[in-house]
Amino acid sequence: MSASGVPLGPITRRGMIAPWMRGMQRACAVRLIDRRTGAAHRVNGTPLVIITCHPQEAAAELLEGRDPAHWEARIDPIEPAPQR
């Protein structure tokens, strides 16, 4: 159990969503993109990527205090792994 009271452990079991995961948004990757170059913003050479279930909030935080003419947030849904 985590500090927030959400049980930790496997999200799926035999391809089924755990009951505590029902109703949650799907995970997304949020990237900060420099409009001048089209490249992702990098920190120490590594692209800045936030994995979240709340992409609009993450995008707003990344863009806070930045010039919208120079920066954009790109949101890409993360697809689940194919079932075998």
Protein backbone atom coordinates (compact mmCIF):
# COMPACT_ATOMS: atom_id res chain seq x y z
CA MET A 1 0.00 0.00 0.00
CA SER A 2 1.34 3.43 -0.90
CA ALA A 3 1.18 6.59 1.20
CA SER A 4 -1.91 7.68 -0.77
CA GLY A 5 -3.75 4.49 0.19
CA VAL A 6 -3.62 3.01 -3.32
CA PRO A 7 -2.44 -0.60 -3.25
CA LEU A 8 0.83 -1.22 -5.00
CA GLY A 9 1.40 -4.26 -7.16
CA PRO A 10 0.59 -5.56 -10.60
CA ILE A 11 -1.84 -3.45 -12.60
CA THR A 12 -3.13 -6.39 -14.57
CA ARG A 13 -3.63 -10.05 -13.97
CA ARG A 14 -4.28 -12.17 -17.03
CA GLY A 15 -5.11 -9.05 -19.02
CA MET A 16 -7.77 -7.72 -16.63
CA ILE A 17 -7.65 -4.27 -15.05
CA ALA A 18 -7.31 -4.31 -11.28
CA PRO A 19 -10.46 -2.95 -9.57
CA TRP A 20 -8.63 0.08 -8.15
CA MET A 21 -7.52 1.06 -11.68
CA ARG A 22 -11.03 1.27 -13.20
CA GLY A 23 -11.94 4.77 -14.30
CA MET A 24 -8.32 6.01 -14.41
CA GLN A 25 -7.06 7.71 -17.52
CA ARG A 26 -4.55 5.98 -19.72
CA ALA A 27 -0.88 6.88 -19.28
CA CYS A 28 0.65 9.45 -21.61
CA ALA A 29 4.13 10.74 -22.33
CA VAL A 30 4.35 14.55 -22.19
CA ARG A 31 7.31 16.24 -23.88
CA LEU A 32 8.39 19.88 -23.99
CA ILE A 33 9.16 20.80 -27.62
CA ASP A 34 11.18 23.79 -28.84
CA ARG A 35 9.14 25.25 -31.74
CA ARG A 36 12.26 26.80 -33.30
CA THR A 37 14.01 23.44 -33.78
CA GLY A 38 11.21 20.89 -33.38
CA ALA A 39 13.40 19.03 -30.88
CA ALA A 40 12.53 17.92 -27.37
CA HIS A 41 13.97 19.97 -24.51
CA ARG A 42 16.95 18.15 -22.96
CA VAL A 43 18.31 18.11 -19.42
CA ASN A 44 21.95 16.98 -19.27
CA GLY A 45 21.54 15.50 -22.76
CA THR A 46 18.44 13.45 -21.92
CA PRO A 47 15.06 14.42 -23.42
CA LEU A 48 12.62 15.67 -20.80
CA VAL A 49 9.63 13.29 -20.75
CA ILE A 50 6.94 13.07 -18.07
CA ILE A 51 4.86 9.89 -17.83
CA THR A 52 1.46 10.69 -16.32
CA CYS A 53 -2.23 9.86 -16.24
CA HIS A 54 -2.99 13.61 -16.11
CA PRO A 55 -1.36 14.96 -19.30
CA GLN A 56 -3.13 18.33 -19.38
CA GLU A 57 -1.86 19.17 -15.89
CA ALA A 58 1.68 18.06 -16.75
CA ALA A 59 1.63 20.10 -19.97
CA ALA A 60 0.45 23.20 -18.10
CA GLU A 61 3.26 22.80 -15.55
CA LEU A 62 5.89 22.36 -18.28
CA LEU A 63 4.70 25.48 -20.12
CA GLU A 64 4.35 27.66 -17.02
CA GLY A 65 6.56 30.74 -17.34
CA ARG A 66 7.65 29.86 -20.89
CA ASP A 67 7.02 31.85 -24.07
CA PRO A 68 4.28 29.99 -26.02
CA ALA A 69 5.78 31.28 -29.26
CA HIS A 70 8.90 29.19 -28.54
CA TRP A 71 7.54 26.17 -26.65
CA GLU A 72 4.79 23.58 -26.99
CA ALA A 73 3.85 20.47 -25.03
CA ARG A 74 3.37 17.28 -27.02
CA ILE A 75 1.15 14.56 -25.52
CA ASP A 76 1.48 10.99 -26.79
CA PRO A 77 -0.70 8.19 -25.38
CA ILE A 78 1.23 5.14 -24.24
CA GLU A 79 -0.24 2.02 -25.82
CA PRO A 80 -0.58 -1.07 -23.66
CA ALA A 81 1.67 -4.00 -24.47
CA PRO A 82 0.01 -6.57 -26.75
CA GLN A 83 -1.42 -9.60 -24.98
CA ARG A 84 0.31 -12.87 -25.72
